[in-house]
Amino acid sequence: MDLRIFTEPQQGASYDTLLRVARTAEELGAFSAFFRSDHYLKMGGVSGLPGPTDAWITLAGLARETSTIRLGTLMTAATFRLPGVLAIQVAQVDA
């Protein structure tokens, strides 16, 4: 069975929290990937603090701090990402 972690930081998670989750998932060796949502706005009755974060910037940071776990988004919002710019961002995260 291939297990993966999925987070929704717009509901309230800092980069440090996401880094701890990704590193722990990697260290446990039971999870093959770490995914995060690509939403800026919170949903429901949560505060959403510390505030919105960007999926691809977060993944770029996590890529430098992890070495074996795969990283990605469940989906990427085409409504606010230009395709050419997104292609460059994703290629740089992969590098």
PDB file of N, CA and C in Angstrom:
ATOM      1  N   MET A   1       0.838  -1.154   0.000  1.00  0.00           N
ATOM      2  CA  MET A   1       0.000   0.000   0.000  1.00  0.00           C
ATOM      3  C   MET A   1       0.898   1.236   0.000  1.00  0.00           C
ATOM      4  N   ASP A   2       0.564   2.195  -0.825  1.00  0.00           N
ATOM      5  CA  ASP A   2       1.322   3.436  -0.939  1.00  0.00           C
ATOM      6  C   ASP A   2       0.604   4.525  -0.144  1.00  0.00           C
ATOM      7  N   LEU A   3       1.188   4.946   0.980  1.00  0.00           N
ATOM      8  CA  LEU A   3       0.580   5.967   1.825  1.00  0.00           C
ATOM      9  C   LEU A   3       1.229   7.316   1.588  1.00  0.00           C
ATOM     10  N   ARG A   4       0.406   8.359   1.586  1.00  0.00           N
ATOM     11  CA  ARG A   4       0.889   9.725   1.374  1.00  0.00           C
ATOM     12  C   ARG A   4       0.231  10.658   2.377  1.00  0.00           C
ATOM     13  N   ILE A   5       0.895  11.752   2.686  1.00  0.00           N
ATOM     14  CA  ILE A   5       0.375  12.768   3.595  1.00  0.00           C
ATOM     15  C   ILE A   5      -0.237  13.892   2.768  1.00  0.00           C
ATOM     16  N   PHE A   6      -1.410  14.372   3.182  1.00  0.00           N
ATOM     17  CA  PHE A   6      -2.023  15.527   2.535  1.00  0.00           C
ATOM     18  C   PHE A   6      -2.380  16.541   3.611  1.00  0.00           C
ATOM     19  N   THR A   7      -1.961  17.788   3.429  1.00  0.00           N
ATOM     20  CA  THR A   7      -2.228  18.846   4.405  1.00  0.00           C
ATOM     21  C   THR A   7      -3.025  19.976   3.759  1.00  0.00           C
ATOM     22  N   GLU A   8      -3.735  20.704   4.590  1.00  0.00           N
ATOM     23  CA  GLU A   8      -4.481  21.878   4.146  1.00  0.00           C
ATOM     24  C   GLU A   8      -4.085  23.063   5.024  1.00  0.00           C
ATOM     25  N   PRO A   9      -2.902  23.646   4.763  1.00  0.00           N
ATOM     26  CA  PRO A   9      -2.386  24.697   5.637  1.00  0.00           C
ATOM     27  C   PRO A   9      -3.218  25.970   5.688  1.00  0.00           C
ATOM     28  N   GLN A  10      -4.093  26.195   4.723  1.00  0.00           N
ATOM     29  CA  GLN A  10      -4.946  27.383   4.785  1.00  0.00           C
ATOM     30  C   GLN A  10      -5.868  27.305   6.006  1.00  0.00           C
ATOM     31  N   GLN A  11      -6.014  26.134   6.569  1.00  0.00           N
ATOM     32  CA  GLN A  11      -6.842  25.967   7.760  1.00  0.00           C
ATOM     33  C   GLN A  11      -6.093  26.375   9.036  1.00  0.00           C
ATOM     34  N   GLY A  12      -4.787  26.642   8.908  1.00  0.00           N
ATOM     35  CA  GLY A  12      -3.996  27.119  10.036  1.00  0.00           C
ATOM     36  C   GLY A  12      -2.755  26.289  10.269  1.00  0.00           C
ATOM     37  N   ALA A  13      -1.706  26.526   9.513  1.00  0.00           N
ATOM     38  CA  ALA A  13      -0.427  25.840   9.721  1.00  0.00           C
ATOM     39  C   ALA A  13       0.693  26.727   9.201  1.00  0.00           C
ATOM     40  N   SER A  14       1.739  26.852   9.986  1.00  0.00           N
ATOM     41  CA  SER A  14       2.902  27.632   9.573  1.00  0.00           C
ATOM     42  C   SER A  14       3.839  26.761   8.732  1.00  0.00           C
ATOM     43  N   TYR A  15       4.823  27.396   8.109  1.00  0.00           N
ATOM     44  CA  TYR A  15       5.828  26.649   7.360  1.00  0.00           C
ATOM     45  C   TYR A  15       6.558  25.687   8.291  1.00  0.00           C
ATOM     46  N   ASP A  16       6.885  26.128   9.498  1.00  0.00           N
ATOM     47  CA  ASP A  16       7.593  25.259  10.446  1.00  0.00           C
ATOM     48  C   ASP A  16       6.792  24.007  10.772  1.00  0.00           C
ATOM     49  N   THR A  17       5.478  24.148  10.896  1.00  0.00           N
ATOM     50  CA  THR A  17       4.622  22.988  11.154  1.00  0.00           C
ATOM     51  C   THR A  17       4.639  22.037   9.959  1.00  0.00           C
ATOM     52  N   LEU A  18       4.522  22.590   8.759  1.00  0.00           N
ATOM     53  CA  LEU A  18       4.551  21.755   7.558  1.00  0.00           C
ATOM     54  C   LEU A  18       5.898  21.058   7.409  1.00  0.00           C
ATOM     55  N   LEU A  19       6.971  21.741   7.732  1.00  0.00           N
ATOM     56  CA  LEU A  19       8.301  21.146   7.667  1.00  0.00           C
ATOM     57  C   LEU A  19       8.414  19.979   8.644  1.00  0.00           C
ATOM     58  N   ARG A  20       7.903  20.159   9.857  1.00  0.00           N
ATOM     59  CA  ARG A  20       7.939  19.061  10.832  1.00  0.00           C
ATOM     60  C   ARG A  20       7.156  17.848  10.328  1.00  0.00           C
ATOM     61  N   VAL A  21       5.991  18.094   9.733  1.00  0.00           N
ATOM     62  CA  VAL A  21       5.182  16.997   9.208  1.00  0.00           C
ATOM     63  C   VAL A  21       5.921  16.289   8.069  1.00  0.00           C
ATOM     64  N   ALA A  22       6.474  17.044   7.136  1.00  0.00           N
ATOM     65  CA  ALA A  22       7.179  16.446   5.991  1.00  0.00           C
ATOM     66  C   ALA A  22       8.408  15.667   6.445  1.00  0.00           C
ATOM     67  N   ARG A  23       9.188  16.220   7.356  1.00  0.00           N
ATOM     68  CA  ARG A  23      10.386  15.525   7.850  1.00  0.00           C
ATOM     69  C   ARG A  23      10.015  14.257   8.616  1.00  0.00           C
ATOM     70  N   THR A  24       8.983  14.343   9.427  1.00  0.00           N
ATOM     71  CA  THR A  24       8.546  13.170  10.184  1.00  0.00           C
ATOM     72  C   THR A  24       8.057  12.082   9.244  1.00  0.00           C
ATOM     73  N   ALA A  25       7.267  12.466   8.239  1.00  0.00           N
ATOM     74  CA  ALA A  25       6.781  11.495   7.248  1.00  0.00           C
ATOM     75  C   ALA A  25       7.954  10.831   6.539  1.00  0.00           C
ATOM     76  N   GLU A  26       8.962  11.622   6.197  1.00  0.00           N
ATOM     77  CA  GLU A  26      10.145  11.084   5.525  1.00  0.00           C
ATOM     78  C   GLU A  26      10.923  10.150   6.451  1.00  0.00           C
ATOM     79  N   GLU A  27      11.128  10.568   7.686  1.00  0.00           N
ATOM     80  CA  GLU A  27      11.898   9.766   8.643  1.00  0.00           C
ATOM     81  C   GLU A  27      11.214   8.441   8.965  1.00  0.00           C
ATOM     82  N   LEU A  28       9.895   8.443   9.046  1.00  0.00           N
ATOM     83  CA  LEU A  28       9.167   7.210   9.345  1.00  0.00           C
ATOM     84  C   LEU A  28       9.304   6.185   8.228  1.00  0.00           C
ATOM     85  N   GLY A  29       9.476   6.665   7.005  1.00  0.00           N
ATOM     86  CA  GLY A  29       9.630   5.765   5.870  1.00  0.00           C
ATOM     87  C   GLY A  29       8.343   5.064   5.446  1.00  0.00           C
ATOM     88  N   ALA A  30       7.239   5.355   6.100  1.00  0.00           N
ATOM     89  CA  ALA A  30       5.966   4.705   5.788  1.00  0.00           C
ATOM     90  C   ALA A  30       5.168   5.475   4.738  1.00  0.00           C
ATOM     91  N   PHE A  31       5.600   6.698   4.444  1.00  0.00           N
ATOM     92  CA  PHE A  31       4.865   7.559   3.520  1.00  0.00           C
ATOM     93  C   PHE A  31       5.753   7.886   2.321  1.00  0.00           C
ATOM     94  N   SER A  32       5.178   7.763   1.130  1.00  0.00           N
ATOM     95  CA  SER A  32       5.987   8.000  -0.073  1.00  0.00           C
ATOM     96  C   SER A  32       5.958   9.443  -0.535  1.00  0.00           C
ATOM     97  N   ALA A  33       4.977  10.233  -0.046  1.00  0.00           N
ATOM     98  CA  ALA A  33       4.856  11.593  -0.555  1.00  0.00           C
ATOM     99  C   ALA A  33       4.173  12.505   0.459  1.00  0.00           C
ATOM    100  N   PHE A  34       4.418  13.809   0.272  1.00  0.00           N
ATOM    101  CA  PHE A  34       3.800  14.869   1.069  1.00  0.00           C
ATOM    102  C   PHE A  34       3.136  15.822   0.088  1.00  0.00           C
ATOM    103  N   PHE A  35       1.841  15.996   0.225  1.00  0.00           N
ATOM    104  CA  PHE A  35       1.098  16.918  -0.624  1.00  0.00           C
ATOM    105  C   PHE A  35       0.474  18.016   0.224  1.00  0.00           C
ATOM    106  N   ARG A  36       0.305  19.172  -0.364  1.00  0.00           N
ATOM    107  CA  ARG A  36      -0.412  20.244   0.314  1.00  0.00           C
ATOM    108  C   ARG A  36      -1.423  20.842  -0.645  1.00  0.00           C
ATOM    109  N   SER A  37      -2.443  21.462  -0.084  1.00  0.00           N
ATOM    110  CA  SER A  37      -3.464  22.089  -0.915  1.00  0.00           C
ATOM    111  C   SER A  37      -2.905  23.349  -1.567  1.00  0.00           C
ATOM    112  N   ASP A  38      -3.588  23.810  -2.583  1.00  0.00           N
ATOM    113  CA  ASP A  38      -3.208  25.048  -3.261  1.00  0.00           C
ATOM    114  C   ASP A  38      -4.330  26.067  -3.087  1.00  0.00           C
ATOM    115  N   HIS A  39      -4.708  26.290  -1.830  1.00  0.00           N
ATOM    116  CA  HIS A  39      -5.763  27.252  -1.512  1.00  0.00           C
ATOM    117  C   HIS A  39      -5.176  28.385  -0.684  1.00  0.00           C
ATOM    118  N   TYR A  40      -5.667  29.578  -0.901  1.00  0.00           N
ATOM    119  CA  TYR A  40      -5.251  30.729  -0.108  1.00  0.00           C
ATOM    120  C   TYR A  40      -6.246  31.043   1.012  1.00  0.00           C
ATOM    121  N   LEU A  41      -7.503  30.686   0.828  1.00  0.00           N
ATOM    122  CA  LEU A  41      -8.544  31.063   1.778  1.00  0.00           C
ATOM    123  C   LEU A  41      -8.956  29.887   2.641  1.00  0.00           C
ATOM    124  N   LYS A  42      -9.188  30.163   3.919  1.00  0.00           N
ATOM    125  CA  LYS A  42      -9.636  29.137   4.854  1.00  0.00           C
ATOM    126  C   LYS A  42     -11.062  28.735   4.532  1.00  0.00           C
ATOM    127  N   MET A  43     -11.454  27.583   5.046  1.00  0.00           N
ATOM    128  CA  MET A  43     -12.825  27.102   4.879  1.00  0.00           C
ATOM    129  C   MET A  43     -13.411  26.818   6.250  1.00  0.00           C
ATOM    130  N   GLY A  44     -14.652  27.164   6.453  1.00  0.00           N
ATOM    131  CA  GLY A  44     -15.329  26.844   7.698  1.00  0.00           C
ATOM    132  C   GLY A  44     -14.977  27.786   8.831  1.00  0.00           C
ATOM    133  N   GLY A  45     -15.228  27.313  10.046  1.00  0.00           N
ATOM    134  CA  GLY A  45     -15.107  28.150  11.225  1.00  0.00           C
ATOM    135  C   GLY A  45     -13.754  28.116  11.906  1.00  0.00           C
ATOM    136  N   VAL A  46     -12.673  28.093  11.157  1.00  0.00           N
ATOM    137  CA  VAL A  46     -11.326  28.137  11.736  1.00  0.00           C
ATOM    138  C   VAL A  46     -10.721  29.514  11.503  1.00  0.00           C
ATOM    139  N   SER A  47      -9.714  29.856  12.283  1.00  0.00           N
ATOM    140  CA  SER A  47      -9.095  31.181  12.138  1.00  0.00           C
ATOM    141  C   SER A  47      -8.212  31.269  10.895  1.00  0.00           C
ATOM    142  N   GLY A  48      -7.608  30.139  10.515  1.00  0.00           N
ATOM    143  CA  GLY A  48      -6.696  30.155   9.372  1.00  0.00           C
ATOM    144  C   GLY A  48      -5.340  30.751   9.682  1.00  0.00           C
ATOM    145  N   LEU A  49      -5.109  31.114  10.933  1.00  0.00           N
ATOM    146  CA  LEU A  49      -3.831  31.713  11.315  1.00  0.00           C
ATOM    147  C   LEU A  49      -2.724  30.680  11.289  1.00  0.00           C
ATOM    148  N   PRO A  50      -1.559  31.011  10.855  1.00  0.00           N
ATOM    149  CA  PRO A  50      -0.987  32.344  10.773  1.00  0.00           C
ATOM    150  C   PRO A  50      -1.283  33.088   9.488  1.00  0.00           C
ATOM    151  N   GLY A  51      -2.084  32.526   8.607  1.00  0.00           N
ATOM    152  CA  GLY A  51      -2.454  33.221   7.382  1.00  0.00           C
ATOM    153  C   GLY A  51      -2.113  32.395   6.162  1.00  0.00           C
ATOM    154  N   PRO A  52      -2.483  32.875   4.975  1.00  0.00           N
ATOM    155  CA  PRO A  52      -2.285  32.094   3.759  1.00  0.00           C
ATOM    156  C   PRO A  52      -0.812  31.916   3.405  1.00  0.00           C
ATOM    157  N   THR A  53      -0.535  30.790   2.790  1.00  0.00           N
ATOM    158  CA  THR A  53       0.805  30.495   2.274  1.00  0.00           C
ATOM    159  C   THR A  53       0.652  30.027   0.837  1.00  0.00           C
ATOM    160  N   ASP A  54       1.726  30.093   0.082  1.00  0.00           N
ATOM    161  CA  ASP A  54       1.697  29.675  -1.316  1.00  0.00           C
ATOM    162  C   ASP A  54       2.222  28.245  -1.436  1.00  0.00           C
ATOM    163  N   ALA A  55       1.496  27.403  -2.142  1.00  0.00           N
ATOM    164  CA  ALA A  55       1.861  25.994  -2.266  1.00  0.00           C
ATOM    165  C   ALA A  55       3.249  25.793  -2.853  1.00  0.00           C
ATOM    166  N   TRP A  56       3.550  26.461  -3.960  1.00  0.00           N
ATOM    167  CA  TRP A  56       4.812  26.186  -4.652  1.00  0.00           C
ATOM    168  C   TRP A  56       6.010  26.799  -3.951  1.00  0.00           C
ATOM    169  N   ILE A  57       5.823  27.895  -3.263  1.00  0.00           N
ATOM    170  CA  ILE A  57       6.922  28.443  -2.466  1.00  0.00           C
ATOM    171  C   ILE A  57       7.198  27.523  -1.280  1.00  0.00           C
ATOM    172  N   THR A  58       6.126  27.037  -0.648  1.00  0.00           N
ATOM    173  CA  THR A  58       6.287  26.088   0.456  1.00  0.00           C
ATOM    174  C   THR A  58       7.009  24.835  -0.017  1.00  0.00           C
ATOM    175  N   LEU A  59       6.601  24.286  -1.149  1.00  0.00           N
ATOM    176  CA  LEU A  59       7.232  23.069  -1.651  1.00  0.00           C
ATOM    177  C   LEU A  59       8.699  23.294  -2.003  1.00  0.00           C
ATOM    178  N   ALA A  60       9.036  24.493  -2.488  1.00  0.00           N
ATOM    179  CA  ALA A  60      10.438  24.805  -2.771  1.00  0.00           C
ATOM    180  C   ALA A  60      11.269  24.741  -1.487  1.00  0.00           C
ATOM    181  N   GLY A  61      10.730  25.312  -0.405  1.00  0.00           N
ATOM    182  CA  GLY A  61      11.433  25.249   0.871  1.00  0.00           C
ATOM    183  C   GLY A  61      11.565  23.821   1.368  1.00  0.00           C
ATOM    184  N   LEU A  62      10.482  23.060   1.288  1.00  0.00           N
ATOM    185  CA  LEU A  62      10.517  21.670   1.748  1.00  0.00           C
ATOM    186  C   LEU A  62      11.479  20.823   0.914  1.00  0.00           C
ATOM    187  N   ALA A  63      11.584  21.130  -0.370  1.00  0.00           N
ATOM    188  CA  ALA A  63      12.500  20.379  -1.234  1.00  0.00           C
ATOM    189  C   ALA A  63      13.943  20.535  -0.780  1.00  0.00           C
ATOM    190  N   ARG A  64      14.272  21.696  -0.227  1.00  0.00           N
ATOM    191  CA  ARG A  64      15.643  21.922   0.268  1.00  0.00           C
ATOM    192  C   ARG A  64      15.871  21.267   1.626  1.00  0.00           C
ATOM    193  N   GLU A  65      14.798  20.969   2.337  1.00  0.00           N
ATOM    194  CA  GLU A  65      14.893  20.442   3.698  1.00  0.00           C
ATOM    195  C   GLU A  65      14.629  18.939   3.799  1.00  0.00           C
ATOM    196  N   THR A  66      14.231  18.311   2.696  1.00  0.00           N
ATOM    197  CA  THR A  66      13.990  16.874   2.670  1.00  0.00           C
ATOM    198  C   THR A  66      14.797  16.279   1.517  1.00  0.00           C
ATOM    199  N   SER A  67      14.895  14.950   1.490  1.00  0.00           N
ATOM    200  CA  SER A  67      15.719  14.378   0.413  1.00  0.00           C
ATOM    201  C   SER A  67      15.078  13.188  -0.302  1.00  0.00           C
ATOM    202  N   THR A  68      14.155  12.474   0.332  1.00  0.00           N
ATOM    203  CA  THR A  68      13.625  11.276  -0.315  1.00  0.00           C
ATOM    204  C   THR A  68      12.120  11.310  -0.559  1.00  0.00           C
ATOM    205  N   ILE A  69      11.382  12.054   0.218  1.00  0.00           N
ATOM    206  CA  ILE A  69       9.925  12.065   0.075  1.00  0.00           C
ATOM    207  C   ILE A  69       9.529  12.892  -1.149  1.00  0.00           C
ATOM    208  N   ARG A  70       8.536  12.410  -1.888  1.00  0.00           N
ATOM    209  CA  ARG A  70       8.038  13.158  -3.043  1.00  0.00           C
ATOM    210  C   ARG A  70       7.148  14.287  -2.567  1.00  0.00           C
ATOM    211  N   LEU A  71       7.166  15.398  -3.271  1.00  0.00           N
ATOM    212  CA  LEU A  71       6.408  16.582  -2.883  1.00  0.00           C
ATOM    213  C   LEU A  71       5.466  16.993  -4.010  1.00  0.00           C
ATOM    214  N   GLY A  72       4.319  17.544  -3.643  1.00  0.00           N
ATOM    215  CA  GLY A  72       3.415  18.022  -4.677  1.00  0.00           C
ATOM    216  C   GLY A  72       2.162  18.638  -4.107  1.00  0.00           C
ATOM    217  N   THR A  73       1.279  19.032  -5.015  1.00  0.00           N
ATOM    218  CA  THR A  73      -0.034  19.540  -4.643  1.00  0.00           C
ATOM    219  C   THR A  73      -1.066  18.532  -5.132  1.00  0.00           C
ATOM    220  N   LEU A  74      -2.196  18.476  -4.451  1.00  0.00           N
ATOM    221  CA  LEU A  74      -3.254  17.589  -4.912  1.00  0.00           C
ATOM    222  C   LEU A  74      -3.765  18.078  -6.269  1.00  0.00           C
ATOM    223  N   MET A  75      -3.797  19.381  -6.404  1.00  0.00           N
ATOM    224  CA  MET A  75      -4.130  20.051  -7.659  1.00  0.00           C
ATOM    225  C   MET A  75      -3.510  21.440  -7.598  1.00  0.00           C
ATOM    226  N   THR A  76      -3.406  22.096  -8.705  1.00  0.00           N
ATOM    227  CA  THR A  76      -2.911  23.473  -8.729  1.00  0.00           C
ATOM    228  C   THR A  76      -3.967  24.330  -9.408  1.00  0.00           C
ATOM    229  N   ALA A  77      -4.303  25.425  -8.758  1.00  0.00           N
ATOM    230  CA  ALA A  77      -5.385  26.285  -9.233  1.00  0.00           C
ATOM    231  C   ALA A  77      -4.986  27.050 -10.497  1.00  0.00           C
ATOM    232  N   ALA A  78      -5.650  26.738 -11.600  1.00  0.00           N
ATOM    233  CA  ALA A  78      -5.374  27.418 -12.871  1.00  0.00           C
ATOM    234  C   ALA A  78      -5.997  28.809 -12.918  1.00  0.00           C
ATOM    235  N   THR A  79      -6.854  29.124 -11.958  1.00  0.00           N
ATOM    236  CA  THR A  79      -7.534  30.417 -11.993  1.00  0.00           C
ATOM    237  C   THR A  79      -6.626  31.577 -11.601  1.00  0.00           C
ATOM    238  N   PHE A  80      -5.542  31.316 -10.873  1.00  0.00           N
ATOM    239  CA  PHE A  80      -4.644  32.406 -10.505  1.00  0.00           C
ATOM    240  C   PHE A  80      -3.177  32.080 -10.765  1.00  0.00           C
ATOM    241  N   ARG A  81      -2.911  31.134 -11.644  1.00  0.00           N
ATOM    242  CA  ARG A  81      -1.528  30.791 -11.991  1.00  0.00           C
ATOM    243  C   ARG A  81      -1.393  30.759 -13.517  1.00  0.00           C
ATOM    244  N   LEU A  82      -0.562  31.615 -14.045  1.00  0.00           N
ATOM    245  CA  LEU A  82      -0.321  31.605 -15.488  1.00  0.00           C
ATOM    246  C   LEU A  82       0.485  30.358 -15.843  1.00  0.00           C
ATOM    247  N   PRO A  83       0.114  29.639 -16.902  1.00  0.00           N
ATOM    248  CA  PRO A  83       0.748  28.358 -17.223  1.00  0.00           C
ATOM    249  C   PRO A  83       2.266  28.437 -17.416  1.00  0.00           C
ATOM    250  N   GLY A  84       2.749  29.456 -18.105  1.00  0.00           N
ATOM    251  CA  GLY A  84       4.193  29.571 -18.342  1.00  0.00           C
ATOM    252  C   GLY A  84       4.970  29.806 -17.063  1.00  0.00           C
ATOM    253  N   VAL A  85       4.458  30.688 -16.213  1.00  0.00           N
ATOM    254  CA  VAL A  85       5.102  30.962 -14.930  1.00  0.00           C
ATOM    255  C   VAL A  85       5.059  29.728 -14.049  1.00  0.00           C
ATOM    256  N   LEU A  86       3.919  29.050 -14.020  1.00  0.00           N
ATOM    257  CA  LEU A  86       3.792  27.839 -13.218  1.00  0.00           C
ATOM    258  C   LEU A  86       4.775  26.773 -13.675  1.00  0.00           C
ATOM    259  N   ALA A  87       4.956  26.603 -14.965  1.00  0.00           N
ATOM    260  CA  ALA A  87       5.909  25.621 -15.473  1.00  0.00           C
ATOM    261  C   ALA A  87       7.324  25.907 -14.990  1.00  0.00           C
ATOM    262  N   ILE A  88       7.700  27.171 -14.971  1.00  0.00           N
ATOM    263  CA  ILE A  88       9.030  27.550 -14.475  1.00  0.00           C
ATOM    264  C   ILE A  88       9.124  27.271 -12.982  1.00  0.00           C
ATOM    265  N   GLN A  89       8.075  27.637 -12.212  1.00  0.00           N
ATOM    266  CA  GLN A  89       8.088  27.400 -10.764  1.00  0.00           C
ATOM    267  C   GLN A  89       8.225  25.917 -10.441  1.00  0.00           C
ATOM    268  N   VAL A  90       7.429  25.089 -11.100  1.00  0.00           N
ATOM    269  CA  VAL A  90       7.458  23.647 -10.842  1.00  0.00           C
ATOM    270  C   VAL A  90       8.824  23.056 -11.229  1.00  0.00           C
ATOM    271  N   ALA A  91       9.378  23.486 -12.351  1.00  0.00           N
ATOM    272  CA  ALA A  91      10.693  22.996 -12.767  1.00  0.00           C
ATOM    273  C   ALA A  91      11.772  23.390 -11.760  1.00  0.00           C
ATOM    274  N   GLN A  92      11.662  24.572 -11.194  1.00  0.00           N
ATOM    275  CA  GLN A  92      12.662  25.000 -10.209  1.00  0.00           C
ATOM    276  C   GLN A  92      12.525  24.236  -8.900  1.00  0.00           C
ATOM    277  N   VAL A  93      11.293  23.952  -8.493  1.00  0.00           N
ATOM    278  CA  VAL A  93      11.098  23.133  -7.292  1.00  0.00           C
ATOM    279  C   VAL A  93      11.685  21.748  -7.527  1.00  0.00           C
ATOM    280  N   ASP A  94      11.460  21.196  -8.708  1.00  0.00           N
ATOM    281  CA  ASP A  94      11.988  19.867  -9.039  1.00  0.00           C
ATOM    282  C   ASP A  94      13.510  19.854  -9.054  1.00  0.00           C
ATOM    283  N   ALA A  95      14.108  20.950  -9.504  1.00  0.00           N
ATOM    284  CA  ALA A  95      15.576  21.019  -9.550  1.00  0.00           C
ATOM    285  C   ALA A  95      16.138  21.091  -8.143  1.00  0.00           C
TER     286      ALA A  95
END
